[in-house]
Amino acid sequence: MEQITFDEFQKVNIRVGRITRVEDFPKARQPSYKIWIDFGPELGERKSSAKLTQLYSKEALLGRQIIAVVNFPRRQVADFMSDVLILGAMVDDETVVLLQPEREVPVGVRML
């Protein structure tokens, strides 16, 4: 495994956000949702597509805090532009477990 320096790691902007809206994403190649996330006044609302349908219903995701990388380039997924990468643990090819703060924190807080 390649090692990176702490300075390189600090270039990755990882923030806490709160999911505000979730929609089905039938045009995605794999079962996924379209997700809108509030990152607070500095970053505002961003959107992402995420393969979370195995473990999470749309209703269970609403209001949940998540952790995401917010400084990757935008990426088009089918007809949807994804602004951020929601972080999760890949259990297998089908199952992603969301990474989230251990307790409630203000949206927009940067992870170190």
N, C-alpha and C. Protein backbone atom coordinates (compact mmCIF):
# COMPACT_ATOMS: atom_id res chain seq x y z
N MET A 1 0.84 -1.17 0.00
CA MET A 1 0.00 0.00 0.00
C MET A 1 0.89 1.24 0.00
N GLU A 2 0.55 2.18 -0.87
CA GLU A 2 1.31 3.43 -0.93
C GLU A 2 0.98 4.30 0.27
N GLN A 3 1.99 4.90 0.86
CA GLN A 3 1.78 5.80 1.98
C GLN A 3 1.74 7.23 1.48
N ILE A 4 0.99 8.07 2.20
CA ILE A 4 0.92 9.49 1.90
C ILE A 4 1.34 10.27 3.14
N THR A 5 1.68 11.52 2.93
CA THR A 5 2.06 12.37 4.06
C THR A 5 0.80 12.98 4.67
N PHE A 6 0.95 13.52 5.87
CA PHE A 6 -0.17 14.21 6.52
C PHE A 6 -0.61 15.41 5.69
N ASP A 7 0.35 16.12 5.09
CA ASP A 7 0.01 17.27 4.25
C ASP A 7 -0.84 16.84 3.05
N GLU A 8 -0.53 15.68 2.46
CA GLU A 8 -1.33 15.17 1.35
C GLU A 8 -2.75 14.83 1.83
N PHE A 9 -2.85 14.20 2.99
CA PHE A 9 -4.15 13.85 3.55
C PHE A 9 -5.00 15.10 3.79
N GLN A 10 -4.37 16.18 4.24
CA GLN A 10 -5.12 17.39 4.54
C GLN A 10 -5.71 18.05 3.30
N LYS A 11 -5.27 17.67 2.12
CA LYS A 11 -5.86 18.18 0.89
C LYS A 11 -7.26 17.63 0.66
N VAL A 12 -7.57 16.50 1.29
CA VAL A 12 -8.91 15.90 1.16
C VAL A 12 -9.83 16.61 2.14
N ASN A 13 -10.85 17.28 1.60
CA ASN A 13 -11.78 18.05 2.42
C ASN A 13 -12.97 17.15 2.76
N ILE A 14 -12.99 16.64 3.99
CA ILE A 14 -14.03 15.72 4.45
C ILE A 14 -14.91 16.48 5.44
N ARG A 15 -16.21 16.52 5.15
CA ARG A 15 -17.13 17.31 5.97
C ARG A 15 -18.34 16.47 6.41
N VAL A 16 -18.97 16.95 7.48
CA VAL A 16 -20.23 16.37 7.95
C VAL A 16 -21.38 17.11 7.29
N GLY A 17 -22.34 16.36 6.80
CA GLY A 17 -23.54 16.95 6.22
C GLY A 17 -24.78 16.23 6.72
N ARG A 18 -25.94 16.82 6.42
CA ARG A 18 -27.21 16.20 6.81
C ARG A 18 -28.04 15.97 5.54
N ILE A 19 -28.53 14.77 5.38
CA ILE A 19 -29.34 14.43 4.21
C ILE A 19 -30.69 15.12 4.32
N THR A 20 -31.04 15.87 3.26
CA THR A 20 -32.30 16.64 3.27
C THR A 20 -33.33 16.10 2.27
N ARG A 21 -32.88 15.33 1.30
CA ARG A 21 -33.80 14.82 0.28
C ARG A 21 -33.19 13.57 -0.34
N VAL A 22 -34.05 12.58 -0.62
CA VAL A 22 -33.61 11.32 -1.23
C VAL A 22 -34.63 10.91 -2.28
N GLU A 23 -34.14 10.54 -3.46
CA GLU A 23 -35.01 10.06 -4.53
C GLU A 23 -34.44 8.78 -5.12
N ASP A 24 -35.32 7.95 -5.65
CA ASP A 24 -34.86 6.78 -6.39
C ASP A 24 -34.06 7.24 -7.59
N PHE A 25 -33.15 6.39 -8.07
CA PHE A 25 -32.31 6.72 -9.22
C PHE A 25 -32.34 5.55 -10.20
N PRO A 26 -33.46 5.39 -10.90
CA PRO A 26 -33.60 4.24 -11.79
C PRO A 26 -32.63 4.23 -12.98
N LYS A 27 -32.07 5.37 -13.37
CA LYS A 27 -31.15 5.42 -14.51
C LYS A 27 -29.73 5.00 -14.15
N ALA A 28 -29.43 4.85 -12.88
CA ALA A 28 -28.10 4.40 -12.45
C ALA A 28 -27.90 2.94 -12.85
N ARG A 29 -26.65 2.57 -13.13
CA ARG A 29 -26.36 1.18 -13.52
C ARG A 29 -26.63 0.20 -12.40
N GLN A 30 -26.35 0.61 -11.16
CA GLN A 30 -26.60 -0.24 -10.00
C GLN A 30 -27.64 0.45 -9.13
N PRO A 31 -28.42 -0.30 -8.37
CA PRO A 31 -29.45 0.34 -7.53
C PRO A 31 -28.85 1.43 -6.64
N SER A 32 -29.36 2.64 -6.79
CA SER A 32 -28.80 3.80 -6.09
C SER A 32 -29.89 4.81 -5.79
N TYR A 33 -29.53 5.79 -4.97
CA TYR A 33 -30.38 6.92 -4.68
C TYR A 33 -29.72 8.20 -5.18
N LYS A 34 -30.53 9.21 -5.48
CA LYS A 34 -30.07 10.59 -5.62
C LYS A 34 -30.25 11.20 -4.23
N ILE A 35 -29.20 11.85 -3.72
CA ILE A 35 -29.23 12.36 -2.35
C ILE A 35 -28.78 13.82 -2.32
N TRP A 36 -29.54 14.65 -1.63
CA TRP A 36 -29.19 16.06 -1.41
C TRP A 36 -28.75 16.21 0.04
N ILE A 37 -27.66 16.95 0.26
CA ILE A 37 -27.04 17.04 1.59
C ILE A 37 -26.77 18.50 1.93
N ASP A 38 -27.14 18.90 3.13
CA ASP A 38 -26.86 20.24 3.63
C ASP A 38 -25.52 20.21 4.35
N PHE A 39 -24.58 21.05 3.87
CA PHE A 39 -23.27 21.17 4.50
C PHE A 39 -23.11 22.50 5.22
N GLY A 40 -24.21 23.18 5.54
CA GLY A 40 -24.14 24.42 6.30
C GLY A 40 -23.90 25.63 5.41
N PRO A 41 -23.80 26.82 6.04
CA PRO A 41 -23.73 28.07 5.29
C PRO A 41 -22.50 28.21 4.39
N GLU A 42 -21.38 27.64 4.76
CA GLU A 42 -20.16 27.80 3.96
C GLU A 42 -20.25 27.07 2.61
N LEU A 43 -20.77 25.85 2.61
CA LEU A 43 -20.81 25.03 1.40
C LEU A 43 -22.21 24.89 0.81
N GLY A 44 -23.23 25.08 1.64
CA GLY A 44 -24.61 24.96 1.16
C GLY A 44 -25.01 23.52 0.88
N GLU A 45 -26.00 23.38 0.00
CA GLU A 45 -26.51 22.06 -0.34
C GLU A 45 -25.73 21.49 -1.52
N ARG A 46 -25.35 20.25 -1.41
CA ARG A 46 -24.67 19.52 -2.48
C ARG A 46 -25.43 18.24 -2.72
N LYS A 47 -25.16 17.60 -3.85
CA LYS A 47 -25.87 16.35 -4.15
C LYS A 47 -24.89 15.25 -4.53
N SER A 48 -25.38 14.02 -4.39
CA SER A 48 -24.56 12.86 -4.67
C SER A 48 -25.46 11.70 -5.07
N SER A 49 -24.91 10.77 -5.82
CA SER A 49 -25.60 9.50 -6.01
C SER A 49 -24.88 8.49 -5.13
N ALA A 50 -25.63 7.59 -4.55
CA ALA A 50 -25.02 6.64 -3.63
C ALA A 50 -25.72 5.29 -3.70
N LYS A 51 -24.92 4.26 -3.66
CA LYS A 51 -25.40 2.88 -3.73
C LYS A 51 -25.72 2.39 -2.31
N LEU A 52 -26.83 2.87 -1.77
CA LEU A 52 -27.18 2.58 -0.38
C LEU A 52 -28.48 1.80 -0.24
N THR A 53 -29.02 1.31 -1.33
CA THR A 53 -30.36 0.72 -1.30
C THR A 53 -30.43 -0.62 -0.56
N GLN A 54 -29.31 -1.30 -0.40
CA GLN A 54 -29.31 -2.60 0.29
C GLN A 54 -29.70 -2.48 1.76
N LEU A 55 -29.18 -1.47 2.44
CA LEU A 55 -29.37 -1.36 3.89
C LEU A 55 -30.27 -0.21 4.33
N TYR A 56 -30.52 0.77 3.43
CA TYR A 56 -31.20 1.98 3.86
C TYR A 56 -32.40 2.29 2.96
N SER A 57 -33.53 2.57 3.59
CA SER A 57 -34.68 3.08 2.84
C SER A 57 -34.51 4.59 2.69
N LYS A 58 -35.25 5.18 1.78
CA LYS A 58 -35.19 6.64 1.61
C LYS A 58 -35.57 7.33 2.91
N GLU A 59 -36.59 6.81 3.57
CA GLU A 59 -37.07 7.42 4.82
C GLU A 59 -36.01 7.33 5.92
N ALA A 60 -35.28 6.22 5.97
CA ALA A 60 -34.25 6.05 7.01
C ALA A 60 -33.06 6.99 6.78
N LEU A 61 -32.84 7.40 5.55
CA LEU A 61 -31.73 8.30 5.25
C LEU A 61 -32.03 9.76 5.55
N LEU A 62 -33.29 10.16 5.42
CA LEU A 62 -33.67 11.56 5.65
C LEU A 62 -33.29 12.02 7.05
N GLY A 63 -32.59 13.14 7.14
CA GLY A 63 -32.21 13.71 8.42
C GLY A 63 -30.94 13.12 9.01
N ARG A 64 -30.40 12.09 8.40
CA ARG A 64 -29.21 11.42 8.92
C ARG A 64 -27.96 12.24 8.61
N GLN A 65 -27.04 12.29 9.56
CA GLN A 65 -25.75 12.92 9.30
C GLN A 65 -24.84 11.92 8.60
N ILE A 66 -24.07 12.43 7.64
CA ILE A 66 -23.13 11.60 6.89
C ILE A 66 -21.78 12.31 6.82
N ILE A 67 -20.80 11.59 6.33
CA ILE A 67 -19.47 12.15 6.11
C ILE A 67 -19.18 12.03 4.62
N ALA A 68 -18.67 13.11 4.02
CA ALA A 68 -18.43 13.11 2.58
C ALA A 68 -17.18 13.90 2.22
N VAL A 69 -16.57 13.51 1.12
CA VAL A 69 -15.48 14.28 0.53
C VAL A 69 -16.13 15.33 -0.36
N VAL A 70 -15.81 16.60 -0.11
CA VAL A 70 -16.50 17.68 -0.82
C VAL A 70 -15.62 18.38 -1.86
N ASN A 71 -14.36 17.96 -2.02
CA ASN A 71 -13.51 18.66 -2.98
C ASN A 71 -13.02 17.77 -4.13
N PHE A 72 -13.75 16.73 -4.46
CA PHE A 72 -13.50 15.99 -5.70
C PHE A 72 -14.18 16.75 -6.84
N PRO A 73 -13.71 16.59 -8.07
CA PRO A 73 -14.43 17.19 -9.20
C PRO A 73 -15.83 16.59 -9.34
N ARG A 74 -16.76 17.38 -9.86
CA ARG A 74 -18.12 16.88 -10.10
C ARG A 74 -18.04 15.70 -11.05
N ARG A 75 -18.98 14.78 -10.89
CA ARG A 75 -18.97 13.57 -11.71
C ARG A 75 -20.39 13.29 -12.20
N GLN A 76 -20.51 13.04 -13.49
CA GLN A 76 -21.83 12.73 -14.04
C GLN A 76 -22.11 11.24 -13.89
N VAL A 77 -23.25 10.93 -13.31
CA VAL A 77 -23.73 9.56 -13.18
C VAL A 77 -25.07 9.52 -13.88
N ALA A 78 -25.12 8.85 -15.03
CA ALA A 78 -26.31 8.86 -15.90
C ALA A 78 -26.67 10.32 -16.19
N ASP A 79 -27.89 10.75 -15.83
CA ASP A 79 -28.31 12.13 -16.11
C ASP A 79 -28.22 13.03 -14.88
N PHE A 80 -27.39 12.67 -13.91
CA PHE A 80 -27.32 13.35 -12.62
C PHE A 80 -25.87 13.76 -12.35
N MET A 81 -25.66 15.01 -11.90
CA MET A 81 -24.32 15.47 -11.54
C MET A 81 -24.10 15.29 -10.04
N SER A 82 -23.09 14.52 -9.70
CA SER A 82 -22.74 14.26 -8.30
C SER A 82 -21.66 15.24 -7.88
N ASP A 83 -21.91 16.00 -6.80
CA ASP A 83 -20.99 17.03 -6.31
C ASP A 83 -20.02 16.52 -5.26
N VAL A 84 -20.42 15.51 -4.50
CA VAL A 84 -19.61 15.03 -3.37
C VAL A 84 -19.61 13.51 -3.36
N LEU A 85 -18.66 12.95 -2.61
CA LEU A 85 -18.59 11.50 -2.43
C LEU A 85 -18.96 11.17 -0.99
N ILE A 86 -20.10 10.55 -0.81
CA ILE A 86 -20.51 10.09 0.52
C ILE A 86 -19.64 8.90 0.89
N LEU A 87 -19.09 8.90 2.11
CA LEU A 87 -18.19 7.84 2.53
C LEU A 87 -18.94 6.70 3.19
N GLY A 88 -18.52 5.50 2.85
CA GLY A 88 -19.11 4.30 3.42
C GLY A 88 -18.11 3.16 3.39
N ALA A 89 -18.42 2.12 4.11
CA ALA A 89 -17.60 0.91 4.14
C ALA A 89 -18.23 -0.11 3.21
N MET A 90 -17.44 -0.60 2.23
CA MET A 90 -17.93 -1.61 1.29
C MET A 90 -17.84 -2.98 1.95
N VAL A 91 -18.99 -3.53 2.32
CA VAL A 91 -19.03 -4.84 2.96
C VAL A 91 -18.84 -5.93 1.90
N ASP A 92 -19.49 -5.74 0.77
CA ASP A 92 -19.33 -6.61 -0.39
C ASP A 92 -19.74 -5.80 -1.62
N ASP A 93 -19.84 -6.43 -2.78
CA ASP A 93 -20.15 -5.69 -4.01
C ASP A 93 -21.51 -5.02 -3.98
N GLU A 94 -22.40 -5.46 -3.12
CA GLU A 94 -23.77 -4.95 -3.08
C GLU A 94 -24.06 -4.04 -1.89
N THR A 95 -23.27 -4.14 -0.84
CA THR A 95 -23.63 -3.54 0.44
C THR A 95 -22.64 -2.48 0.90
N VAL A 96 -23.17 -1.27 1.15
CA VAL A 96 -22.37 -0.16 1.67
C VAL A 96 -22.97 0.27 3.01
N VAL A 97 -22.12 0.37 4.02
CA VAL A 97 -22.53 0.88 5.34
C VAL A 97 -22.02 2.31 5.45
N LEU A 98 -22.92 3.25 5.71
CA LEU A 98 -22.55 4.66 5.82
C LEU A 98 -21.58 4.91 6.96
N LEU A 99 -20.63 5.80 6.71
CA LEU A 99 -19.81 6.34 7.80
C LEU A 99 -20.51 7.59 8.29
N GLN A 100 -20.58 7.74 9.59
CA GLN A 100 -21.25 8.92 10.15
C GLN A 100 -20.63 9.26 11.49
N PRO A 101 -20.83 10.50 11.95
CA PRO A 101 -20.28 10.87 13.26
C PRO A 101 -20.87 10.00 14.36
N GLU A 102 -20.09 9.77 15.36
CA GLU A 102 -20.52 8.97 16.51
C GLU A 102 -21.60 9.67 17.32
N ARG A 103 -21.64 10.99 17.22
CA ARG A 103 -22.70 11.78 17.86
C ARG A 103 -23.00 13.00 17.00
N GLU A 104 -24.09 13.67 17.28
CA GLU A 104 -24.53 14.85 16.51
C GLU A 104 -23.47 15.95 16.57
N VAL A 105 -23.12 16.50 15.40
CA VAL A 105 -22.20 17.63 15.30
C VAL A 105 -22.78 18.64 14.33
N PRO A 106 -22.33 19.90 14.36
CA PRO A 106 -22.83 20.89 13.41
C PRO A 106 -22.51 20.49 11.97
N VAL A 107 -23.46 20.71 11.06
CA VAL A 107 -23.19 20.41 9.66
C VAL A 107 -22.10 21.34 9.14
N GLY A 108 -21.29 20.82 8.24
CA GLY A 108 -20.20 21.59 7.68
C GLY A 108 -18.87 21.41 8.40
N VAL A 109 -18.89 20.78 9.58
CA VAL A 109 -17.65 20.59 10.34
C VAL A 109 -16.70 19.72 9.52
N ARG A 110 -15.44 20.11 9.51
CA ARG A 110 -14.42 19.37 8.78
C ARG A 110 -13.85 18.25 9.63
N MET A 111 -13.67 17.09 9.02
CA MET A 111 -13.06 15.95 9.69
C MET A 111 -11.55 16.05 9.57
N LEU A 112 -10.84 15.66 10.61
CA LEU A 112 -9.38 15.68 10.60
C LEU A 112 -8.84 14.29 10.77
